């Protein structure tokens, strides 16, 4: 996007007539780092949990752990909000 003086607006980078949003650039960098992470962590590991033993790649174990952490966070926030609402209702 250009303003009246043909200067790029803040948050945009001019390149051969095109404008790139900073968000797109950050997303591309994160995607590249993610691909590198996956390629560097392709070896298999054994994971023991209770009575289960699973052999999986390192990156899938880490991704699963992150997903489980996000799920637990969401459940805790929901529980905390209901607890707070019940306390305020009294």
PDB file of N, CA and C in Angstrom:
ATOM      1  N   UNK A   1       0.841  -1.177   0.000  1.00  0.00           N
ATOM      2  CA  UNK A   1       0.000   0.000   0.000  1.00  0.00           C
ATOM      3  C   UNK A   1       0.891   1.248   0.000  1.00  0.00           C
ATOM      4  N   UNK A   2       0.552   2.182  -0.820  1.00  0.00           N
ATOM      5  CA  UNK A   2       1.300   3.428  -0.900  1.00  0.00           C
ATOM      6  C   UNK A   2       0.404   4.583  -0.462  1.00  0.00           C
ATOM      7  N   UNK A   3       1.027   5.573   0.153  1.00  0.00           N
ATOM      8  CA  UNK A   3       0.278   6.777   0.456  1.00  0.00           C
ATOM      9  C   UNK A   3       0.488   7.760  -0.697  1.00  0.00           C
ATOM     10  N   UNK A   4       0.059   9.001  -0.552  1.00  0.00           N
ATOM     11  CA  UNK A   4       0.103   9.967  -1.651  1.00  0.00           C
ATOM     12  C   UNK A   4       1.518  10.290  -2.114  1.00  0.00           C
ATOM     13  N   UNK A   5       2.519  10.148  -1.242  1.00  0.00           N
ATOM     14  CA  UNK A   5       3.889  10.484  -1.626  1.00  0.00           C
ATOM     15  C   UNK A   5       4.651   9.269  -2.141  1.00  0.00           C
ATOM     16  N   UNK A   6       3.934   8.187  -2.503  1.00  0.00           N
ATOM     17  CA  UNK A   6       4.527   6.960  -3.031  1.00  0.00           C
ATOM     18  C   UNK A   6       5.528   6.313  -2.073  1.00  0.00           C
ATOM     19  N   UNK A   7       5.325   6.484  -0.789  1.00  0.00           N
ATOM     20  CA  UNK A   7       6.153   5.820   0.218  1.00  0.00           C
ATOM     21  C   UNK A   7       5.371   4.657   0.795  1.00  0.00           C
ATOM     22  N   UNK A   8       6.048   3.552   1.110  1.00  0.00           N
ATOM     23  CA  UNK A   8       5.334   2.419   1.701  1.00  0.00           C
ATOM     24  C   UNK A   8       4.735   2.794   3.047  1.00  0.00           C
ATOM     25  N   UNK A   9       3.546   2.273   3.316  1.00  0.00           N
ATOM     26  CA  UNK A   9       2.933   2.500   4.619  1.00  0.00           C
ATOM     27  C   UNK A   9       3.637   1.642   5.648  1.00  0.00           C
ATOM     28  N   UNK A  10       3.503   2.015   6.924  1.00  0.00           N
ATOM     29  CA  UNK A  10       4.147   1.241   7.980  1.00  0.00           C
ATOM     30  C   UNK A  10       3.601  -0.176   7.991  1.00  0.00           C
ATOM     31  N   UNK A  11       4.480  -1.163   8.231  1.00  0.00           N
ATOM     32  CA  UNK A  11       4.079  -2.559   8.252  1.00  0.00           C
ATOM     33  C   UNK A  11       4.133  -3.214   6.880  1.00  0.00           C
ATOM     34  N   UNK A  12       4.449  -2.446   5.837  1.00  0.00           N
ATOM     35  CA  UNK A  12       4.533  -3.012   4.492  1.00  0.00           C
ATOM     36  C   UNK A  12       5.929  -2.754   3.932  1.00  0.00           C
ATOM     37  N   UNK A  13       6.424  -3.698   3.156  1.00  0.00           N
ATOM     38  CA  UNK A  13       7.740  -3.567   2.545  1.00  0.00           C
ATOM     39  C   UNK A  13       7.538  -3.577   1.035  1.00  0.00           C
ATOM     40  N   UNK A  14       8.040  -2.544   0.364  1.00  0.00           N
ATOM     41  CA  UNK A  14       7.877  -2.472  -1.087  1.00  0.00           C
ATOM     42  C   UNK A  14       8.971  -3.300  -1.750  1.00  0.00           C
ATOM     43  N   UNK A  15       8.565  -4.099  -2.749  1.00  0.00           N
ATOM     44  CA  UNK A  15       9.544  -4.889  -3.488  1.00  0.00           C
ATOM     45  C   UNK A  15       8.980  -5.089  -4.895  1.00  0.00           C
ATOM     46  N   UNK A  16       9.612  -4.484  -5.848  1.00  0.00           N
ATOM     47  CA  UNK A  16       9.221  -4.578  -7.261  1.00  0.00           C
ATOM     48  C   UNK A  16       7.724  -4.404  -7.459  1.00  0.00           C
ATOM     49  N   UNK A  17       7.160  -3.379  -6.856  1.00  0.00           N
ATOM     50  CA  UNK A  17       5.760  -3.086  -7.057  1.00  0.00           C
ATOM     51  C   UNK A  17       4.815  -3.880  -6.169  1.00  0.00           C
ATOM     52  N   UNK A  18       5.313  -4.776  -5.371  1.00  0.00           N
ATOM     53  CA  UNK A  18       4.471  -5.570  -4.474  1.00  0.00           C
ATOM     54  C   UNK A  18       4.712  -5.133  -3.035  1.00  0.00           C
ATOM     55  N   UNK A  19       3.718  -5.416  -2.195  1.00  0.00           N
ATOM     56  CA  UNK A  19       3.842  -5.083  -0.780  1.00  0.00           C
ATOM     57  C   UNK A  19       3.635  -6.349   0.026  1.00  0.00           C
ATOM     58  N   UNK A  20       4.538  -6.605   0.943  1.00  0.00           N
ATOM     59  CA  UNK A  20       4.440  -7.766   1.797  1.00  0.00           C
ATOM     60  C   UNK A  20       4.061  -7.332   3.199  1.00  0.00           C
ATOM     61  N   UNK A  21       3.077  -7.975   3.752  1.00  0.00           N
ATOM     62  CA  UNK A  21       2.652  -7.701   5.111  1.00  0.00           C
ATOM     63  C   UNK A  21       3.651  -8.335   6.064  1.00  0.00           C
ATOM     64  N   UNK A  22       3.956  -7.673   7.171  1.00  0.00           N
ATOM     65  CA  UNK A  22       4.898  -8.201   8.148  1.00  0.00           C
ATOM     66  C   UNK A  22       4.409  -9.531   8.720  1.00  0.00           C
ATOM     67  N   UNK A  23       3.105  -9.697   8.842  1.00  0.00           N
ATOM     68  CA  UNK A  23       2.544 -10.948   9.360  1.00  0.00           C
ATOM     69  C   UNK A  23       2.873 -12.110   8.445  1.00  0.00           C
ATOM     70  N   UNK A  24       2.808 -11.892   7.147  1.00  0.00           N
ATOM     71  CA  UNK A  24       3.122 -12.947   6.183  1.00  0.00           C
ATOM     72  C   UNK A  24       4.591 -13.345   6.300  1.00  0.00           C
ATOM     73  N   UNK A  25       5.446 -12.376   6.460  1.00  0.00           N
ATOM     74  CA  UNK A  25       6.874 -12.647   6.600  1.00  0.00           C
ATOM     75  C   UNK A  25       7.137 -13.463   7.863  1.00  0.00           C
ATOM     76  N   UNK A  26       6.516 -13.085   8.974  1.00  0.00           N
ATOM     77  CA  UNK A  26       6.691 -13.825  10.221  1.00  0.00           C
ATOM     78  C   UNK A  26       6.163 -15.252  10.072  1.00  0.00           C
ATOM     79  N   UNK A  27       5.016 -15.425   9.438  1.00  0.00           N
ATOM     80  CA  UNK A  27       4.468 -16.764   9.215  1.00  0.00           C
ATOM     81  C   UNK A  27       5.397 -17.621   8.360  1.00  0.00           C
ATOM     82  N   UNK A  28       5.999 -17.039   7.345  1.00  0.00           N
ATOM     83  CA  UNK A  28       6.946 -17.779   6.504  1.00  0.00           C
ATOM     84  C   UNK A  28       8.185 -18.195   7.290  1.00  0.00           C
ATOM     85  N   UNK A  29       8.677 -17.316   8.152  1.00  0.00           N
ATOM     86  CA  UNK A  29       9.833 -17.651   8.981  1.00  0.00           C
ATOM     87  C   UNK A  29       9.481 -18.774   9.953  1.00  0.00           C
ATOM     88  N   UNK A  30       8.314 -18.687  10.587  1.00  0.00           N
ATOM     89  CA  UNK A  30       7.879 -19.743  11.517  1.00  0.00           C
ATOM     90  C   UNK A  30       7.711 -21.063  10.775  1.00  0.00           C
ATOM     91  N   UNK A  31       7.159 -21.036   9.582  1.00  0.00           N
ATOM     92  CA  UNK A  31       6.997 -22.261   8.792  1.00  0.00           C
ATOM     93  C   UNK A  31       8.351 -22.865   8.444  1.00  0.00           C
ATOM     94  N   UNK A  32       9.309 -22.040   8.066  1.00  0.00           N
ATOM     95  CA  UNK A  32      10.648 -22.539   7.734  1.00  0.00           C
ATOM     96  C   UNK A  32      11.325 -23.155   8.952  1.00  0.00           C
ATOM     97  N   UNK A  33      11.207 -22.504  10.099  1.00  0.00           N
ATOM     98  CA  UNK A  33      11.800 -23.040  11.333  1.00  0.00           C
ATOM     99  C   UNK A  33      11.132 -24.356  11.714  1.00  0.00           C
ATOM    100  N   UNK A  34       9.815 -24.451  11.518  1.00  0.00           N
ATOM    101  CA  UNK A  34       9.094 -25.686  11.819  1.00  0.00           C
ATOM    102  C   UNK A  34       9.570 -26.830  10.931  1.00  0.00           C
ATOM    103  N   UNK A  35       9.745 -26.566   9.652  1.00  0.00           N
ATOM    104  CA  UNK A  35      10.228 -27.596   8.726  1.00  0.00           C
ATOM    105  C   UNK A  35      11.633 -28.051   9.129  1.00  0.00           C
ATOM    106  N   UNK A  36      12.503 -27.120   9.465  1.00  0.00           N
ATOM    107  CA  UNK A  36      13.848 -27.483   9.916  1.00  0.00           C
ATOM    108  C   UNK A  36      13.800 -28.318  11.188  1.00  0.00           C
ATOM    109  N   UNK A  37      12.935 -27.945  12.118  1.00  0.00           N
ATOM    110  CA  UNK A  37      12.795 -28.686  13.374  1.00  0.00           C
ATOM    111  C   UNK A  37      12.370 -30.131  13.105  1.00  0.00           C
ATOM    112  N   UNK A  38      11.403 -30.310  12.211  1.00  0.00           N
ATOM    113  CA  UNK A  38      10.915 -31.656  11.893  1.00  0.00           C
ATOM    114  C   UNK A  38      12.029 -32.480  11.256  1.00  0.00           C
ATOM    115  N   UNK A  39      12.761 -31.905  10.315  1.00  0.00           N
ATOM    116  CA  UNK A  39      13.824 -32.653   9.651  1.00  0.00           C
ATOM    117  C   UNK A  39      14.966 -33.010  10.599  1.00  0.00           C
ATOM    118  N   UNK A  40      15.231 -32.179  11.593  1.00  0.00           N
ATOM    119  CA  UNK A  40      16.313 -32.463  12.527  1.00  0.00           C
ATOM    120  C   UNK A  40      15.891 -33.418  13.632  1.00  0.00           C
ATOM    121  N   UNK A  41      14.604 -33.698  13.786  1.00  0.00           N
ATOM    122  CA  UNK A  41      14.127 -34.559  14.868  1.00  0.00           C
ATOM    123  C   UNK A  41      13.303 -35.718  14.318  1.00  0.00           C
ATOM    124  N   UNK A  42      13.845 -36.409  13.310  1.00  0.00           N
ATOM    125  CA  UNK A  42      13.129 -37.509  12.681  1.00  0.00           C
ATOM    126  C   UNK A  42      13.448 -38.873  13.285  1.00  0.00           C
ATOM    127  N   UNK A  43      14.424 -38.975  14.174  1.00  0.00           N
ATOM    128  CA  UNK A  43      14.764 -40.281  14.722  1.00  0.00           C
ATOM    129  C   UNK A  43      13.656 -40.778  15.650  1.00  0.00           C
ATOM    130  N   UNK A  44      13.603 -42.094  15.810  1.00  0.00           N
ATOM    131  CA  UNK A  44      12.572 -42.715  16.634  1.00  0.00           C
ATOM    132  C   UNK A  44      13.033 -42.807  18.081  1.00  0.00           C
ATOM    133  N   UNK A  45      12.085 -42.670  18.993  1.00  0.00           N
ATOM    134  CA  UNK A  45      12.346 -42.825  20.428  1.00  0.00           C
ATOM    135  C   UNK A  45      11.228 -43.666  21.029  1.00  0.00           C
ATOM    136  N   UNK A  46      11.530 -44.299  22.145  1.00  0.00           N
ATOM    137  CA  UNK A  46      10.509 -45.048  22.875  1.00  0.00           C
ATOM    138  C   UNK A  46       9.875 -44.165  23.934  1.00  0.00           C
ATOM    139  N   UNK A  47       8.563 -44.182  23.997  1.00  0.00           N
ATOM    140  CA  UNK A  47       7.832 -43.385  24.979  1.00  0.00           C
ATOM    141  C   UNK A  47       7.029 -44.347  25.839  1.00  0.00           C
ATOM    142  N   UNK A  48       7.285 -44.334  27.145  1.00  0.00           N
ATOM    143  CA  UNK A  48       6.557 -45.178  28.094  1.00  0.00           C
ATOM    144  C   UNK A  48       5.588 -44.315  28.874  1.00  0.00           C
ATOM    145  N   UNK A  49       4.309 -44.727  28.887  1.00  0.00           N
ATOM    146  CA  UNK A  49       3.291 -44.022  29.651  1.00  0.00           C
ATOM    147  C   UNK A  49       2.357 -45.055  30.258  1.00  0.00           C
ATOM    148  N   UNK A  50       2.331 -45.116  31.571  1.00  0.00           N
ATOM    149  CA  UNK A  50       1.546 -46.095  32.312  1.00  0.00           C
ATOM    150  C   UNK A  50       1.842 -47.505  31.802  1.00  0.00           C
ATOM    151  N   UNK A  51       0.887 -48.130  31.134  1.00  0.00           N
ATOM    152  CA  UNK A  51       1.060 -49.496  30.641  1.00  0.00           C
ATOM    153  C   UNK A  51       1.379 -49.539  29.152  1.00  0.00           C
ATOM    154  N   UNK A  52       1.549 -48.388  28.545  1.00  0.00           N
ATOM    155  CA  UNK A  52       1.745 -48.318  27.102  1.00  0.00           C
ATOM    156  C   UNK A  52       3.187 -47.987  26.768  1.00  0.00           C
ATOM    157  N   UNK A  53       3.661 -48.576  25.681  1.00  0.00           N
ATOM    158  CA  UNK A  53       4.972 -48.221  25.145  1.00  0.00           C
ATOM    159  C   UNK A  53       4.792 -47.937  23.660  1.00  0.00           C
ATOM    160  N   UNK A  54       5.210 -46.761  23.255  1.00  0.00           N
ATOM    161  CA  UNK A  54       5.031 -46.325  21.873  1.00  0.00           C
ATOM    162  C   UNK A  54       6.391 -45.926  21.316  1.00  0.00           C
ATOM    163  N   UNK A  55       6.679 -46.343  20.104  1.00  0.00           N
ATOM    164  CA  UNK A  55       7.874 -45.867  19.404  1.00  0.00           C
ATOM    165  C   UNK A  55       7.397 -44.870  18.344  1.00  0.00           C
ATOM    166  N   UNK A  56       7.899 -43.673  18.460  1.00  0.00           N
ATOM    167  CA  UNK A  56       7.467 -42.621  17.560  1.00  0.00           C
ATOM    168  C   UNK A  56       8.630 -41.686  17.301  1.00  0.00           C
ATOM    169  N   UNK A  57       8.460 -40.815  16.329  1.00  0.00           N
ATOM    170  CA  UNK A  57       9.504 -39.829  16.041  1.00  0.00           C
ATOM    171  C   UNK A  57       9.502 -38.740  17.110  1.00  0.00           C
ATOM    172  N   UNK A  58      10.673 -38.144  17.325  1.00  0.00           N
ATOM    173  CA  UNK A  58      10.827 -37.122  18.366  1.00  0.00           C
ATOM    174  C   UNK A  58       9.886 -35.948  18.123  1.00  0.00           C
ATOM    175  N   UNK A  59       9.802 -35.481  16.894  1.00  0.00           N
ATOM    176  CA  UNK A  59       8.994 -34.284  16.634  1.00  0.00           C
ATOM    177  C   UNK A  59       7.519 -34.548  16.883  1.00  0.00           C
ATOM    178  N   UNK A  60       7.031 -35.765  16.636  1.00  0.00           N
ATOM    179  CA  UNK A  60       5.617 -36.031  16.902  1.00  0.00           C
ATOM    180  C   UNK A  60       5.353 -36.095  18.405  1.00  0.00           C
ATOM    181  N   UNK A  61       6.320 -36.616  19.162  1.00  0.00           N
ATOM    182  CA  UNK A  61       6.171 -36.645  20.616  1.00  0.00           C
ATOM    183  C   UNK A  61       6.134 -35.226  21.182  1.00  0.00           C
ATOM    184  N   UNK A  62       6.985 -34.358  20.666  1.00  0.00           N
ATOM    185  CA  UNK A  62       7.005 -32.965  21.133  1.00  0.00           C
ATOM    186  C   UNK A  62       5.719 -32.249  20.723  1.00  0.00           C
ATOM    187  N   UNK A  63       5.277 -32.462  19.486  1.00  0.00           N
ATOM    188  CA  UNK A  63       4.027 -31.830  19.022  1.00  0.00           C
ATOM    189  C   UNK A  63       2.841 -32.309  19.851  1.00  0.00           C
ATOM    190  N   UNK A  64       2.793 -33.609  20.170  1.00  0.00           N
ATOM    191  CA  UNK A  64       1.723 -34.146  21.002  1.00  0.00           C
ATOM    192  C   UNK A  64       1.763 -33.523  22.401  1.00  0.00           C
ATOM    193  N   UNK A  65       2.948 -33.368  22.954  1.00  0.00           N
ATOM    194  CA  UNK A  65       3.083 -32.761  24.281  1.00  0.00           C
ATOM    195  C   UNK A  65       2.616 -31.312  24.280  1.00  0.00           C
ATOM    196  N   UNK A  66       2.958 -30.587  23.230  1.00  0.00           N
ATOM    197  CA  UNK A  66       2.507 -29.196  23.121  1.00  0.00           C
ATOM    198  C   UNK A  66       0.983 -29.147  23.016  1.00  0.00           C
ATOM    199  N   UNK A  67       0.406 -30.013  22.187  1.00  0.00           N
ATOM    200  CA  UNK A  67      -1.049 -30.067  22.052  1.00  0.00           C
ATOM    201  C   UNK A  67      -1.731 -30.409  23.360  1.00  0.00           C
ATOM    202  N   UNK A  68      -1.172 -31.361  24.098  1.00  0.00           N
ATOM    203  CA  UNK A  68      -1.724 -31.727  25.400  1.00  0.00           C
ATOM    204  C   UNK A  68      -1.632 -30.564  26.382  1.00  0.00           C
ATOM    205  N   UNK A  69      -0.537 -29.836  26.334  1.00  0.00           N
ATOM    206  CA  UNK A  69      -0.389 -28.657  27.194  1.00  0.00           C
ATOM    207  C   UNK A  69      -1.413 -27.586  26.870  1.00  0.00           C
ATOM    208  N   UNK A  70      -1.675 -27.361  25.586  1.00  0.00           N
ATOM    209  CA  UNK A  70      -2.690 -26.385  25.176  1.00  0.00           C
ATOM    210  C   UNK A  70      -4.065 -26.819  25.656  1.00  0.00           C
ATOM    211  N   UNK A  71      -4.381 -28.108  25.509  1.00  0.00           N
ATOM    212  CA  UNK A  71      -5.664 -28.631  25.968  1.00  0.00           C
ATOM    213  C   UNK A  71      -5.827 -28.444  27.482  1.00  0.00           C
ATOM    214  N   UNK A  72      -4.794 -28.780  28.245  1.00  0.00           N
ATOM    215  CA  UNK A  72      -4.856 -28.607  29.698  1.00  0.00           C
ATOM    216  C   UNK A  72      -5.018 -27.133  30.074  1.00  0.00           C
ATOM    217  N   UNK A  73      -4.344 -26.254  29.365  1.00  0.00           N
ATOM    218  CA  UNK A  73      -4.471 -24.821  29.617  1.00  0.00           C
ATOM    219  C   UNK A  73      -5.905 -24.353  29.388  1.00  0.00           C
ATOM    220  N   UNK A  74      -6.503 -24.765  28.272  1.00  0.00           N
ATOM    221  CA  UNK A  74      -7.886 -24.382  27.971  1.00  0.00           C
ATOM    222  C   UNK A  74      -8.854 -24.914  29.024  1.00  0.00           C
ATOM    223  N   UNK A  75      -8.665 -26.158  29.443  1.00  0.00           N
ATOM    224  CA  UNK A  75      -9.536 -26.731  30.472  1.00  0.00           C
ATOM    225  C   UNK A  75      -9.392 -25.985  31.797  1.00  0.00           C
ATOM    226  N   UNK A  76      -8.162 -25.643  32.162  1.00  0.00           N
ATOM    227  CA  UNK A  76      -7.931 -24.906  33.407  1.00  0.00           C
ATOM    228  C   UNK A  76      -8.568 -23.523  33.346  1.00  0.00           C
ATOM    229  N   UNK A  77      -8.411 -22.831  32.219  1.00  0.00           N
ATOM    230  CA  UNK A  77      -9.001 -21.496  32.088  1.00  0.00           C
ATOM    231  C   UNK A  77     -10.524 -21.576  32.181  1.00  0.00           C
ATOM    232  N   UNK A  78     -11.136 -22.582  31.540  1.00  0.00           N
ATOM    233  CA  UNK A  78     -12.591 -22.749  31.613  1.00  0.00           C
ATOM    234  C   UNK A  78     -13.019 -23.012  33.056  1.00  0.00           C
ATOM    235  N   UNK A  79     -12.304 -23.921  33.751  1.00  0.00           N
ATOM    236  CA  UNK A  79     -12.634 -24.227  35.141  1.00  0.00           C
ATOM    237  C   UNK A  79     -12.476 -22.985  36.018  1.00  0.00           C
ATOM    238  N   UNK A  80     -11.403 -22.249  35.834  1.00  0.00           N
ATOM    239  CA  UNK A  80     -11.149 -21.053  36.643  1.00  0.00           C
ATOM    240  C   UNK A  80     -12.239 -20.006  36.400  1.00  0.00           C
ATOM    241  N   UNK A  81     -12.664 -19.843  35.142  1.00  0.00           N
ATOM    242  CA  UNK A  81     -13.721 -18.877  34.826  1.00  0.00           C
ATOM    243  C   UNK A  81     -15.049 -19.249  35.473  1.00  0.00           C
ATOM    244  N   UNK A  82     -15.401 -20.541  35.443  1.00  0.00           N
ATOM    245  CA  UNK A  82     -16.640 -20.980  36.087  1.00  0.00           C
ATOM    246  C   UNK A  82     -16.555 -20.801  37.593  1.00  0.00           C
ATOM    247  N   UNK A  83     -15.400 -21.081  38.163  1.00  0.00           N
ATOM    248  CA  UNK A  83     -15.214 -20.923  39.609  1.00  0.00           C
ATOM    249  C   UNK A  83     -15.351 -19.449  39.998  1.00  0.00           C
ATOM    250  N   UNK A  84     -14.749 -18.569  39.201  1.00  0.00           N
ATOM    251  CA  UNK A  84     -14.808 -17.142  39.468  1.00  0.00           C
ATOM    252  C   UNK A  84     -16.241 -16.613  39.316  1.00  0.00           C
ATOM    253  N   UNK A  85     -16.947 -17.102  38.275  1.00  0.00           N
ATOM    254  CA  UNK A  85     -18.335 -16.670  38.062  1.00  0.00           C
ATOM    255  C   UNK A  85     -19.231 -17.127  39.188  1.00  0.00           C
ATOM    256  N   UNK A  86     -19.024 -18.362  39.687  1.00  0.00           N
ATOM    257  CA  UNK A  86     -19.825 -18.871  40.807  1.00  0.00           C
ATOM    258  C   UNK A  86     -19.534 -18.076  42.071  1.00  0.00           C
ATOM    259  N   UNK A  87     -18.288 -17.692  42.268  1.00  0.00           N
ATOM    260  CA  UNK A  87     -17.927 -16.899  43.453  1.00  0.00           C
ATOM    261  C   UNK A  87     -18.546 -15.520  43.399  1.00  0.00           C
ATOM    262  N   UNK A  88     -18.578 -14.912  42.211  1.00  0.00           N
ATOM    263  CA  UNK A  88     -19.161 -13.581  42.041  1.00  0.00           C
ATOM    264  C   UNK A  88     -20.692 -13.622  42.141  1.00  0.00           C
ATOM    265  N   UNK A  89     -21.305 -14.762  41.822  1.00  0.00           N
ATOM    266  CA  UNK A  89     -22.756 -14.891  41.875  1.00  0.00           C
ATOM    267  C   UNK A  89     -23.262 -14.985  43.320  1.00  0.00           C
ATOM    268  N   UNK A  90     -22.395 -15.369  44.224  1.00  0.00           N
ATOM    269  CA  UNK A  90     -22.805 -15.528  45.635  1.00  0.00           C
ATOM    270  C   UNK A  90     -23.011 -14.216  46.333  1.00  0.00           C
TER     271      UNK A  90
END
